[in-house]
């Protein structure tokens, strides 16, 4: 049985997923160039910690929503892959918003 798309676990997951995706883009698009082109490794250190925390929260939220929504392993794996790929979180959000994500 699938719960309504407005469930709190799904809402939390979508928020954490977007924040994790933004931190990943910031890490790759801002902090890494600052480190290698401007010699400022502090940006990677600080944003890397934030991104790491958000990734852990993403995994926890994914477990919660997968359990609540009774997602198949393939759907959970697809969501995990989206978190690993740059800009994947934004694709995932679009799929979830459209109701096209295969839970």
PDB file of N, CA and C in Angstrom:
ATOM      1  N   UNK A   1       0.844  -1.182   0.000  1.00  0.00           N
ATOM      2  CA  UNK A   1       0.000   0.000   0.000  1.00  0.00           C
ATOM      3  C   UNK A   1       0.884   1.237   0.000  1.00  0.00           C
ATOM      4  N   UNK A   2       0.609   2.170  -0.882  1.00  0.00           N
ATOM      5  CA  UNK A   2       1.371   3.408  -0.961  1.00  0.00           C
ATOM      6  C   UNK A   2       0.591   4.511  -0.276  1.00  0.00           C
ATOM      7  N   UNK A   3       1.273   5.233   0.575  1.00  0.00           N
ATOM      8  CA  UNK A   3       0.641   6.339   1.292  1.00  0.00           C
ATOM      9  C   UNK A   3       0.570   7.564   0.402  1.00  0.00           C
ATOM     10  N   UNK A   4      -0.223   8.573   0.790  1.00  0.00           N
ATOM     11  CA  UNK A   4      -0.339   9.776  -0.029  1.00  0.00           C
ATOM     12  C   UNK A   4       1.015  10.451  -0.245  1.00  0.00           C
ATOM     13  N   UNK A   5       1.132  11.146  -1.371  1.00  0.00           N
ATOM     14  CA  UNK A   5       2.388  11.814  -1.718  1.00  0.00           C
ATOM     15  C   UNK A   5       2.726  12.936  -0.739  1.00  0.00           C
ATOM     16  N   UNK A   6       1.792  13.311   0.108  1.00  0.00           N
ATOM     17  CA  UNK A   6       2.046  14.399   1.047  1.00  0.00           C
ATOM     18  C   UNK A   6       2.516  13.879   2.409  1.00  0.00           C
ATOM     19  N   UNK A   7       2.956  12.641   2.476  1.00  0.00           N
ATOM     20  CA  UNK A   7       3.393  12.086   3.753  1.00  0.00           C
ATOM     21  C   UNK A   7       4.591  12.853   4.283  1.00  0.00           C
ATOM     22  N   UNK A   8       4.742  12.854   5.589  1.00  0.00           N
ATOM     23  CA  UNK A   8       5.839  13.611   6.198  1.00  0.00           C
ATOM     24  C   UNK A   8       7.199  13.009   5.851  1.00  0.00           C
ATOM     25  N   UNK A   9       7.289  11.694   5.735  1.00  0.00           N
ATOM     26  CA  UNK A   9       8.564  11.073   5.376  1.00  0.00           C
ATOM     27  C   UNK A   9       8.970  11.468   3.964  1.00  0.00           C
ATOM     28  N   UNK A  10       8.024  11.526   3.055  1.00  0.00           N
ATOM     29  CA  UNK A  10       8.324  11.920   1.682  1.00  0.00           C
ATOM     30  C   UNK A  10       8.718  13.391   1.624  1.00  0.00           C
ATOM     31  N   UNK A  11       8.023  14.228   2.357  1.00  0.00           N
ATOM     32  CA  UNK A  11       8.371  15.659   2.411  1.00  0.00           C
ATOM     33  C   UNK A  11       9.778  15.854   2.942  1.00  0.00           C
ATOM     34  N   UNK A  12      10.095  15.167   4.036  1.00  0.00           N
ATOM     35  CA  UNK A  12      11.451  15.247   4.619  1.00  0.00           C
ATOM     36  C   UNK A  12      12.493  14.772   3.623  1.00  0.00           C
ATOM     37  N   UNK A  13      12.209  13.660   2.966  1.00  0.00           N
ATOM     38  CA  UNK A  13      13.140  13.114   1.994  1.00  0.00           C
ATOM     39  C   UNK A  13      13.401  14.098   0.860  1.00  0.00           C
ATOM     40  N   UNK A  14      12.354  14.710   0.347  1.00  0.00           N
ATOM     41  CA  UNK A  14      12.519  15.661  -0.755  1.00  0.00           C
ATOM     42  C   UNK A  14      13.339  16.868  -0.331  1.00  0.00           C
ATOM     43  N   UNK A  15      13.117  17.363   0.863  1.00  0.00           N
ATOM     44  CA  UNK A  15      13.879  18.516   1.360  1.00  0.00           C
ATOM     45  C   UNK A  15      15.342  18.147   1.534  1.00  0.00           C
ATOM     46  N   UNK A  16      15.598  17.032   2.205  1.00  0.00           N
ATOM     47  CA  UNK A  16      16.982  16.600   2.431  1.00  0.00           C
ATOM     48  C   UNK A  16      17.665  16.307   1.105  1.00  0.00           C
ATOM     49  N   UNK A  17      16.948  15.701   0.170  1.00  0.00           N
ATOM     50  CA  UNK A  17      17.524  15.389  -1.134  1.00  0.00           C
ATOM     51  C   UNK A  17      17.946  16.664  -1.863  1.00  0.00           C
ATOM     52  N   UNK A  18      17.097  17.670  -1.851  1.00  0.00           N
ATOM     53  CA  UNK A  18      17.442  18.925  -2.515  1.00  0.00           C
ATOM     54  C   UNK A  18      18.624  19.617  -1.834  1.00  0.00           C
ATOM     55  N   UNK A  19      18.628  19.630  -0.514  1.00  0.00           N
ATOM     56  CA  UNK A  19      19.750  20.245   0.204  1.00  0.00           C
ATOM     57  C   UNK A  19      21.050  19.501  -0.086  1.00  0.00           C
ATOM     58  N   UNK A  20      20.980  18.175  -0.119  1.00  0.00           N
ATOM     59  CA  UNK A  20      22.170  17.374  -0.424  1.00  0.00           C
ATOM     60  C   UNK A  20      22.640  17.662  -1.846  1.00  0.00           C
ATOM     61  N   UNK A  21      21.709  17.779  -2.774  1.00  0.00           N
ATOM     62  CA  UNK A  21      22.054  18.081  -4.160  1.00  0.00           C
ATOM     63  C   UNK A  21      22.683  19.453  -4.310  1.00  0.00           C
ATOM     64  N   UNK A  22      22.131  20.435  -3.602  1.00  0.00           N
ATOM     65  CA  UNK A  22      22.711  21.780  -3.634  1.00  0.00           C
ATOM     66  C   UNK A  22      24.114  21.791  -3.048  1.00  0.00           C
ATOM     67  N   UNK A  23      24.316  21.064  -1.964  1.00  0.00           N
ATOM     68  CA  UNK A  23      25.649  21.031  -1.357  1.00  0.00           C
ATOM     69  C   UNK A  23      26.645  20.341  -2.279  1.00  0.00           C
ATOM     70  N   UNK A  24      26.196  19.340  -3.020  1.00  0.00           N
ATOM     71  CA  UNK A  24      27.064  18.633  -3.961  1.00  0.00           C
ATOM     72  C   UNK A  24      27.476  19.565  -5.107  1.00  0.00           C
ATOM     73  N   UNK A  25      26.497  20.293  -5.637  1.00  0.00           N
ATOM     74  CA  UNK A  25      26.791  21.250  -6.705  1.00  0.00           C
ATOM     75  C   UNK A  25      27.747  22.325  -6.188  1.00  0.00           C
ATOM     76  N   UNK A  26      27.512  22.796  -4.961  1.00  0.00           N
ATOM     77  CA  UNK A  26      28.409  23.789  -4.370  1.00  0.00           C
ATOM     78  C   UNK A  26      29.812  23.242  -4.176  1.00  0.00           C
ATOM     79  N   UNK A  27      29.897  22.008  -3.759  1.00  0.00           N
ATOM     80  CA  UNK A  27      31.195  21.378  -3.550  1.00  0.00           C
ATOM     81  C   UNK A  27      31.950  21.245  -4.870  1.00  0.00           C
ATOM     82  N   UNK A  28      31.268  20.737  -5.888  1.00  0.00           N
ATOM     83  CA  UNK A  28      31.926  20.527  -7.179  1.00  0.00           C
ATOM     84  C   UNK A  28      32.112  21.819  -7.976  1.00  0.00           C
ATOM     85  N   UNK A  29      31.128  22.707  -7.902  1.00  0.00           N
ATOM     86  CA  UNK A  29      31.150  23.897  -8.750  1.00  0.00           C
ATOM     87  C   UNK A  29      31.790  25.130  -8.151  1.00  0.00           C
ATOM     88  N   UNK A  30      31.882  25.169  -6.823  1.00  0.00           N
ATOM     89  CA  UNK A  30      32.444  26.349  -6.161  1.00  0.00           C
ATOM     90  C   UNK A  30      33.688  25.986  -5.353  1.00  0.00           C
ATOM     91  N   UNK A  31      33.535  25.054  -4.429  1.00  0.00           N
ATOM     92  CA  UNK A  31      34.630  24.748  -3.503  1.00  0.00           C
ATOM     93  C   UNK A  31      35.829  24.113  -4.198  1.00  0.00           C
ATOM     94  N   UNK A  32      35.585  23.168  -5.101  1.00  0.00           N
ATOM     95  CA  UNK A  32      36.713  22.523  -5.797  1.00  0.00           C
ATOM     96  C   UNK A  32      37.484  23.508  -6.671  1.00  0.00           C
ATOM     97  N   UNK A  33      36.803  24.348  -7.461  1.00  0.00           N
ATOM     98  CA  UNK A  33      37.570  25.350  -8.206  1.00  0.00           C
ATOM     99  C   UNK A  33      38.340  26.316  -7.302  1.00  0.00           C
ATOM    100  N   UNK A  34      37.737  26.684  -6.170  1.00  0.00           N
ATOM    101  CA  UNK A  34      38.469  27.552  -5.238  1.00  0.00           C
ATOM    102  C   UNK A  34      39.730  26.866  -4.731  1.00  0.00           C
ATOM    103  N   UNK A  35      39.625  25.574  -4.484  1.00  0.00           N
ATOM    104  CA  UNK A  35      40.783  24.838  -3.983  1.00  0.00           C
ATOM    105  C   UNK A  35      41.880  24.748  -5.037  1.00  0.00           C
ATOM    106  N   UNK A  36      41.511  24.345  -6.237  1.00  0.00           N
ATOM    107  CA  UNK A  36      42.528  24.055  -7.243  1.00  0.00           C
ATOM    108  C   UNK A  36      42.924  25.254  -8.099  1.00  0.00           C
ATOM    109  N   UNK A  37      42.054  26.225  -8.243  1.00  0.00           N
ATOM    110  CA  UNK A  37      42.385  27.378  -9.073  1.00  0.00           C
ATOM    111  C   UNK A  37      42.816  28.596  -8.261  1.00  0.00           C
ATOM    112  N   UNK A  38      42.307  28.685  -7.038  1.00  0.00           N
ATOM    113  CA  UNK A  38      42.628  29.856  -6.210  1.00  0.00           C
ATOM    114  C   UNK A  38      43.452  29.496  -4.986  1.00  0.00           C
ATOM    115  N   UNK A  39      43.760  28.209  -4.815  1.00  0.00           N
ATOM    116  CA  UNK A  39      44.579  27.802  -3.677  1.00  0.00           C
ATOM    117  C   UNK A  39      43.916  28.000  -2.326  1.00  0.00           C
ATOM    118  N   UNK A  40      42.594  27.843  -2.269  1.00  0.00           N
ATOM    119  CA  UNK A  40      41.849  28.012  -1.016  1.00  0.00           C
ATOM    120  C   UNK A  40      41.153  26.699  -0.635  1.00  0.00           C
ATOM    121  N   UNK A  41      41.862  25.798   0.006  1.00  0.00           N
ATOM    122  CA  UNK A  41      41.278  24.487   0.337  1.00  0.00           C
ATOM    123  C   UNK A  41      40.239  24.530   1.462  1.00  0.00           C
ATOM    124  N   UNK A  42      40.133  25.649   2.149  1.00  0.00           N
ATOM    125  CA  UNK A  42      39.184  25.742   3.264  1.00  0.00           C
ATOM    126  C   UNK A  42      37.743  25.539   2.809  1.00  0.00           C
ATOM    127  N   UNK A  43      37.428  26.008   1.602  1.00  0.00           N
ATOM    128  CA  UNK A  43      36.054  25.870   1.104  1.00  0.00           C
ATOM    129  C   UNK A  43      35.666  24.398   0.990  1.00  0.00           C
ATOM    130  N   UNK A  44      36.577  23.566   0.495  1.00  0.00           N
ATOM    131  CA  UNK A  44      36.293  22.135   0.367  1.00  0.00           C
ATOM    132  C   UNK A  44      36.143  21.511   1.748  1.00  0.00           C
ATOM    133  N   UNK A  45      36.984  21.922   2.665  1.00  0.00           N
ATOM    134  CA  UNK A  45      36.934  21.354   4.010  1.00  0.00           C
ATOM    135  C   UNK A  45      35.570  21.632   4.662  1.00  0.00           C
ATOM    136  N   UNK A  46      35.131  22.880   4.598  1.00  0.00           N
ATOM    137  CA  UNK A  46      33.879  23.257   5.269  1.00  0.00           C
ATOM    138  C   UNK A  46      32.653  22.730   4.525  1.00  0.00           C
ATOM    139  N   UNK A  47      32.609  22.945   3.221  1.00  0.00           N
ATOM    140  CA  UNK A  47      31.445  22.482   2.461  1.00  0.00           C
ATOM    141  C   UNK A  47      31.424  20.960   2.382  1.00  0.00           C
ATOM    142  N   UNK A  48      32.594  20.343   2.401  1.00  0.00           N
ATOM    143  CA  UNK A  48      32.663  18.883   2.410  1.00  0.00           C
ATOM    144  C   UNK A  48      32.026  18.290   3.650  1.00  0.00           C
ATOM    145  N   UNK A  49      32.246  18.924   4.786  1.00  0.00           N
ATOM    146  CA  UNK A  49      31.607  18.457   6.029  1.00  0.00           C
ATOM    147  C   UNK A  49      30.091  18.588   5.962  1.00  0.00           C
ATOM    148  N   UNK A  50      29.639  19.730   5.465  1.00  0.00           N
ATOM    149  CA  UNK A  50      28.193  19.957   5.338  1.00  0.00           C
ATOM    150  C   UNK A  50      27.590  18.925   4.385  1.00  0.00           C
ATOM    151  N   UNK A  51      28.246  18.724   3.252  1.00  0.00           N
ATOM    152  CA  UNK A  51      27.752  17.761   2.275  1.00  0.00           C
ATOM    153  C   UNK A  51      27.738  16.340   2.856  1.00  0.00           C
ATOM    154  N   UNK A  52      28.779  15.987   3.588  1.00  0.00           N
ATOM    155  CA  UNK A  52      28.832  14.659   4.210  1.00  0.00           C
ATOM    156  C   UNK A  52      27.686  14.442   5.181  1.00  0.00           C
ATOM    157  N   UNK A  53      27.409  15.442   6.003  1.00  0.00           N
ATOM    158  CA  UNK A  53      26.286  15.348   6.943  1.00  0.00           C
ATOM    159  C   UNK A  53      24.971  15.212   6.187  1.00  0.00           C
ATOM    160  N   UNK A  54      24.788  16.030   5.146  1.00  0.00           N
ATOM    161  CA  UNK A  54      23.549  15.960   4.374  1.00  0.00           C
ATOM    162  C   UNK A  54      23.407  14.628   3.651  1.00  0.00           C
ATOM    163  N   UNK A  55      24.523  14.047   3.220  1.00  0.00           N
ATOM    164  CA  UNK A  55      24.452  12.739   2.566  1.00  0.00           C
ATOM    165  C   UNK A  55      24.000  11.670   3.559  1.00  0.00           C
ATOM    166  N   UNK A  56      24.523  11.720   4.773  1.00  0.00           N
ATOM    167  CA  UNK A  56      24.092  10.768   5.808  1.00  0.00           C
ATOM    168  C   UNK A  56      22.596  10.955   6.096  1.00  0.00           C
ATOM    169  N   UNK A  57      22.150  12.211   6.210  1.00  0.00           N
ATOM    170  CA  UNK A  57      20.732  12.481   6.425  1.00  0.00           C
ATOM    171  C   UNK A  57      19.892  12.001   5.243  1.00  0.00           C
ATOM    172  N   UNK A  58      20.441  12.118   4.033  1.00  0.00           N
ATOM    173  CA  UNK A  58      19.747  11.621   2.842  1.00  0.00           C
ATOM    174  C   UNK A  58      19.518  10.114   2.952  1.00  0.00           C
ATOM    175  N   UNK A  59      20.554   9.383   3.330  1.00  0.00           N
ATOM    176  CA  UNK A  59      20.440   7.928   3.450  1.00  0.00           C
ATOM    177  C   UNK A  59      19.394   7.567   4.514  1.00  0.00           C
ATOM    178  N   UNK A  60      19.415   8.254   5.638  1.00  0.00           N
ATOM    179  CA  UNK A  60      18.435   8.004   6.702  1.00  0.00           C
ATOM    180  C   UNK A  60      17.023   8.311   6.209  1.00  0.00           C
ATOM    181  N   UNK A  61      16.859   9.455   5.525  1.00  0.00           N
ATOM    182  CA  UNK A  61      15.543   9.823   5.002  1.00  0.00           C
ATOM    183  C   UNK A  61      15.087   8.839   3.921  1.00  0.00           C
ATOM    184  N   UNK A  62      16.027   8.352   3.127  1.00  0.00           N
ATOM    185  CA  UNK A  62      15.687   7.367   2.091  1.00  0.00           C
ATOM    186  C   UNK A  62      15.191   6.068   2.724  1.00  0.00           C
ATOM    187  N   UNK A  63      15.836   5.641   3.774  1.00  0.00           N
ATOM    188  CA  UNK A  63      15.385   4.432   4.477  1.00  0.00           C
ATOM    189  C   UNK A  63      13.971   4.642   5.013  1.00  0.00           C
ATOM    190  N   UNK A  64      13.738   5.824   5.591  1.00  0.00           N
ATOM    191  CA  UNK A  64      12.414   6.125   6.147  1.00  0.00           C
ATOM    192  C   UNK A  64      11.323   6.148   5.098  1.00  0.00           C
ATOM    193  N   UNK A  65      11.566   6.852   3.997  1.00  0.00           N
ATOM    194  CA  UNK A  65      10.532   6.957   2.968  1.00  0.00           C
ATOM    195  C   UNK A  65      10.360   5.633   2.232  1.00  0.00           C
ATOM    196  N   UNK A  66      11.442   4.910   2.046  1.00  0.00           N
ATOM    197  CA  UNK A  66      11.340   3.602   1.389  1.00  0.00           C
ATOM    198  C   UNK A  66      10.473   2.647   2.197  1.00  0.00           C
ATOM    199  N   UNK A  67      10.658   2.693   3.500  1.00  0.00           N
ATOM    200  CA  UNK A  67       9.869   1.841   4.378  1.00  0.00           C
ATOM    201  C   UNK A  67       8.405   2.279   4.405  1.00  0.00           C
ATOM    202  N   UNK A  68       8.195   3.575   4.588  1.00  0.00           N
ATOM    203  CA  UNK A  68       6.832   4.085   4.681  1.00  0.00           C
ATOM    204  C   UNK A  68       6.052   3.900   3.380  1.00  0.00           C
ATOM    205  N   UNK A  69       6.699   4.209   2.265  1.00  0.00           N
ATOM    206  CA  UNK A  69       6.032   4.136   0.965  1.00  0.00           C
ATOM    207  C   UNK A  69       6.123   2.744   0.335  1.00  0.00           C
ATOM    208  N   UNK A  70       6.826   1.843   0.998  1.00  0.00           N
ATOM    209  CA  UNK A  70       7.016   0.472   0.510  1.00  0.00           C
ATOM    210  C   UNK A  70       7.609   0.460  -0.904  1.00  0.00           C
ATOM    211  N   UNK A  71       8.692   1.243  -1.051  1.00  0.00           N
ATOM    212  CA  UNK A  71       9.381   1.275  -2.341  1.00  0.00           C
ATOM    213  C   UNK A  71      10.093  -0.044  -2.571  1.00  0.00           C
ATOM    214  N   UNK A  72      10.169  -0.430  -3.819  1.00  0.00           N
ATOM    215  CA  UNK A  72      10.951  -1.606  -4.197  1.00  0.00           C
ATOM    216  C   UNK A  72      12.432  -1.258  -4.085  1.00  0.00           C
ATOM    217  N   UNK A  73      13.257  -2.284  -4.014  1.00  0.00           N
ATOM    218  CA  UNK A  73      14.700  -2.071  -3.898  1.00  0.00           C
ATOM    219  C   UNK A  73      15.233  -1.280  -5.097  1.00  0.00           C
ATOM    220  N   UNK A  74      14.670  -1.522  -6.262  1.00  0.00           N
ATOM    221  CA  UNK A  74      15.132  -0.805  -7.456  1.00  0.00           C
ATOM    222  C   UNK A  74      14.878   0.700  -7.339  1.00  0.00           C
ATOM    223  N   UNK A  75      13.732   1.088  -6.803  1.00  0.00           N
ATOM    224  CA  UNK A  75      13.423   2.509  -6.627  1.00  0.00           C
ATOM    225  C   UNK A  75      14.382   3.143  -5.625  1.00  0.00           C
ATOM    226  N   UNK A  76      14.649   2.449  -4.532  1.00  0.00           N
ATOM    227  CA  UNK A  76      15.595   2.969  -3.535  1.00  0.00           C
ATOM    228  C   UNK A  76      16.992   3.070  -4.125  1.00  0.00           C
ATOM    229  N   UNK A  77      17.374   2.088  -4.923  1.00  0.00           N
ATOM    230  CA  UNK A  77      18.678   2.117  -5.582  1.00  0.00           C
ATOM    231  C   UNK A  77      18.789   3.264  -6.570  1.00  0.00           C
ATOM    232  N   UNK A  78      17.711   3.535  -7.288  1.00  0.00           N
ATOM    233  CA  UNK A  78      17.692   4.655  -8.227  1.00  0.00           C
ATOM    234  C   UNK A  78      17.840   5.979  -7.490  1.00  0.00           C
ATOM    235  N   UNK A  79      17.157   6.110  -6.362  1.00  0.00           N
ATOM    236  CA  UNK A  79      17.276   7.325  -5.553  1.00  0.00           C
ATOM    237  C   UNK A  79      18.702   7.487  -5.030  1.00  0.00           C
ATOM    238  N   UNK A  80      19.308   6.380  -4.621  1.00  0.00           N
ATOM    239  CA  UNK A  80      20.693   6.423  -4.127  1.00  0.00           C
ATOM    240  C   UNK A  80      21.641   6.825  -5.242  1.00  0.00           C
ATOM    241  N   UNK A  81      21.436   6.287  -6.418  1.00  0.00           N
ATOM    242  CA  UNK A  81      22.265   6.643  -7.564  1.00  0.00           C
ATOM    243  C   UNK A  81      22.115   8.124  -7.902  1.00  0.00           C
ATOM    244  N   UNK A  82      20.899   8.641  -7.788  1.00  0.00           N
ATOM    245  CA  UNK A  82      20.660  10.062  -8.054  1.00  0.00           C
ATOM    246  C   UNK A  82      21.445  10.943  -7.083  1.00  0.00           C
ATOM    247  N   UNK A  83      21.640  10.482  -5.857  1.00  0.00           N
ATOM    248  CA  UNK A  83      22.390  11.260  -4.882  1.00  0.00           C
ATOM    249  C   UNK A  83      23.882  11.264  -5.193  1.00  0.00           C
ATOM    250  N   UNK A  84      24.344  10.236  -5.861  1.00  0.00           N
ATOM    251  CA  UNK A  84      25.770  10.117  -6.159  1.00  0.00           C
ATOM    252  C   UNK A  84      26.142  10.880  -7.424  1.00  0.00           C
ATOM    253  N   UNK A  85      25.211  10.978  -8.365  1.00  0.00           N
ATOM    254  CA  UNK A  85      25.479  11.664  -9.630  1.00  0.00           C
ATOM    255  C   UNK A  85      25.277  13.174  -9.475  1.00  0.00           C
ATOM    256  N   UNK A  86      26.190  13.965 -10.022  1.00  0.00           N
ATOM    257  CA  UNK A  86      25.975  15.421  -9.992  1.00  0.00           C
ATOM    258  C   UNK A  86      24.650  15.771 -10.676  1.00  0.00           C
ATOM    259  N   UNK A  87      23.886  16.629 -10.071  1.00  0.00           N
ATOM    260  CA  UNK A  87      22.572  17.083 -10.539  1.00  0.00           C
ATOM    261  C   UNK A  87      21.502  15.995 -10.475  1.00  0.00           C
ATOM    262  N   UNK A  88      21.834  14.823  -9.980  1.00  0.00           N
ATOM    263  CA  UNK A  88      20.860  13.743  -9.870  1.00  0.00           C
ATOM    264  C   UNK A  88      19.726  14.055  -8.913  1.00  0.00           C
ATOM    265  N   UNK A  89      20.014  14.807  -7.864  1.00  0.00           N
ATOM    266  CA  UNK A  89      18.968  15.161  -6.895  1.00  0.00           C
ATOM    267  C   UNK A  89      17.870  15.998  -7.535  1.00  0.00           C
ATOM    268  N   UNK A  90      18.243  16.809  -8.521  1.00  0.00           N
ATOM    269  CA  UNK A  90      17.252  17.655  -9.172  1.00  0.00           C
ATOM    270  C   UNK A  90      16.381  16.838 -10.121  1.00  0.00           C
ATOM    271  N   UNK A  91      16.966  15.848 -10.774  1.00  0.00           N
ATOM    272  CA  UNK A  91      16.188  14.920 -11.583  1.00  0.00           C
ATOM    273  C   UNK A  91      15.211  14.152 -10.688  1.00  0.00           C
ATOM    274  N   UNK A  92      15.718  13.675  -9.542  1.00  0.00           N
ATOM    275  CA  UNK A  92      14.890  12.918  -8.604  1.00  0.00           C
ATOM    276  C   UNK A  92      13.724  13.763  -8.110  1.00  0.00           C
ATOM    277  N   UNK A  93      13.991  15.010  -7.761  1.00  0.00           N
ATOM    278  CA  UNK A  93      12.924  15.901  -7.288  1.00  0.00           C
ATOM    279  C   UNK A  93      11.857  16.078  -8.362  1.00  0.00           C
ATOM    280  N   UNK A  94      12.286  16.245  -9.584  1.00  0.00           N
ATOM    281  CA  UNK A  94      11.313  16.408 -10.676  1.00  0.00           C
ATOM    282  C   UNK A  94      10.454  15.161 -10.823  1.00  0.00           C
ATOM    283  N   UNK A  95      11.074  14.000 -10.746  1.00  0.00           N
ATOM    284  CA  UNK A  95      10.319  12.750 -10.857  1.00  0.00           C
ATOM    285  C   UNK A  95       9.327  12.604  -9.705  1.00  0.00           C
ATOM    286  N   UNK A  96       9.758  12.939  -8.503  1.00  0.00           N
ATOM    287  CA  UNK A  96       8.871  12.843  -7.343  1.00  0.00           C
ATOM    288  C   UNK A  96       7.726  13.842  -7.445  1.00  0.00           C
ATOM    289  N   UNK A  97       8.017  15.054  -7.881  1.00  0.00           N
ATOM    290  CA  UNK A  97       6.995  16.089  -7.995  1.00  0.00           C
ATOM    291  C   UNK A  97       5.938  15.707  -9.031  1.00  0.00           C
ATOM    292  N   UNK A  98       6.374  15.108 -10.117  1.00  0.00           N
ATOM    293  CA  UNK A  98       5.450  14.718 -11.191  1.00  0.00           C
ATOM    294  C   UNK A  98       4.731  13.411 -10.879  1.00  0.00           C
ATOM    295  N   UNK A  99       5.138  12.723  -9.827  1.00  0.00           N
ATOM    296  CA  UNK A  99       4.543  11.436  -9.511  1.00  0.00           C
ATOM    297  C   UNK A  99       5.015  10.344 -10.451  1.00  0.00           C
ATOM    298  N   UNK A 100       6.138  10.604 -11.133  1.00  0.00           N
ATOM    299  CA  UNK A 100       6.659   9.656 -12.117  1.00  0.00           C
ATOM    300  C   UNK A 100       7.720   8.735 -11.541  1.00  0.00           C
ATOM    301  N   UNK A 101       8.056   8.933 -10.270  1.00  0.00           N
ATOM    302  CA  UNK A 101       9.107   8.096  -9.683  1.00  0.00           C
ATOM    303  C   UNK A 101       8.507   6.747  -9.316  1.00  0.00           C
ATOM    304  N   UNK A 102       9.147   5.673  -9.750  1.00  0.00           N
ATOM    305  CA  UNK A 102       8.588   4.333  -9.514  1.00  0.00           C
ATOM    306  C   UNK A 102       8.817   3.840  -8.107  1.00  0.00           C
ATOM    307  N   UNK A 103       7.917   4.130  -7.217  1.00  0.00           N
ATOM    308  CA  UNK A 103       8.060   3.663  -5.840  1.00  0.00           C
ATOM    309  C   UNK A 103       7.650   2.268  -5.728  1.00  0.00           C
TER     310      UNK A 103
END
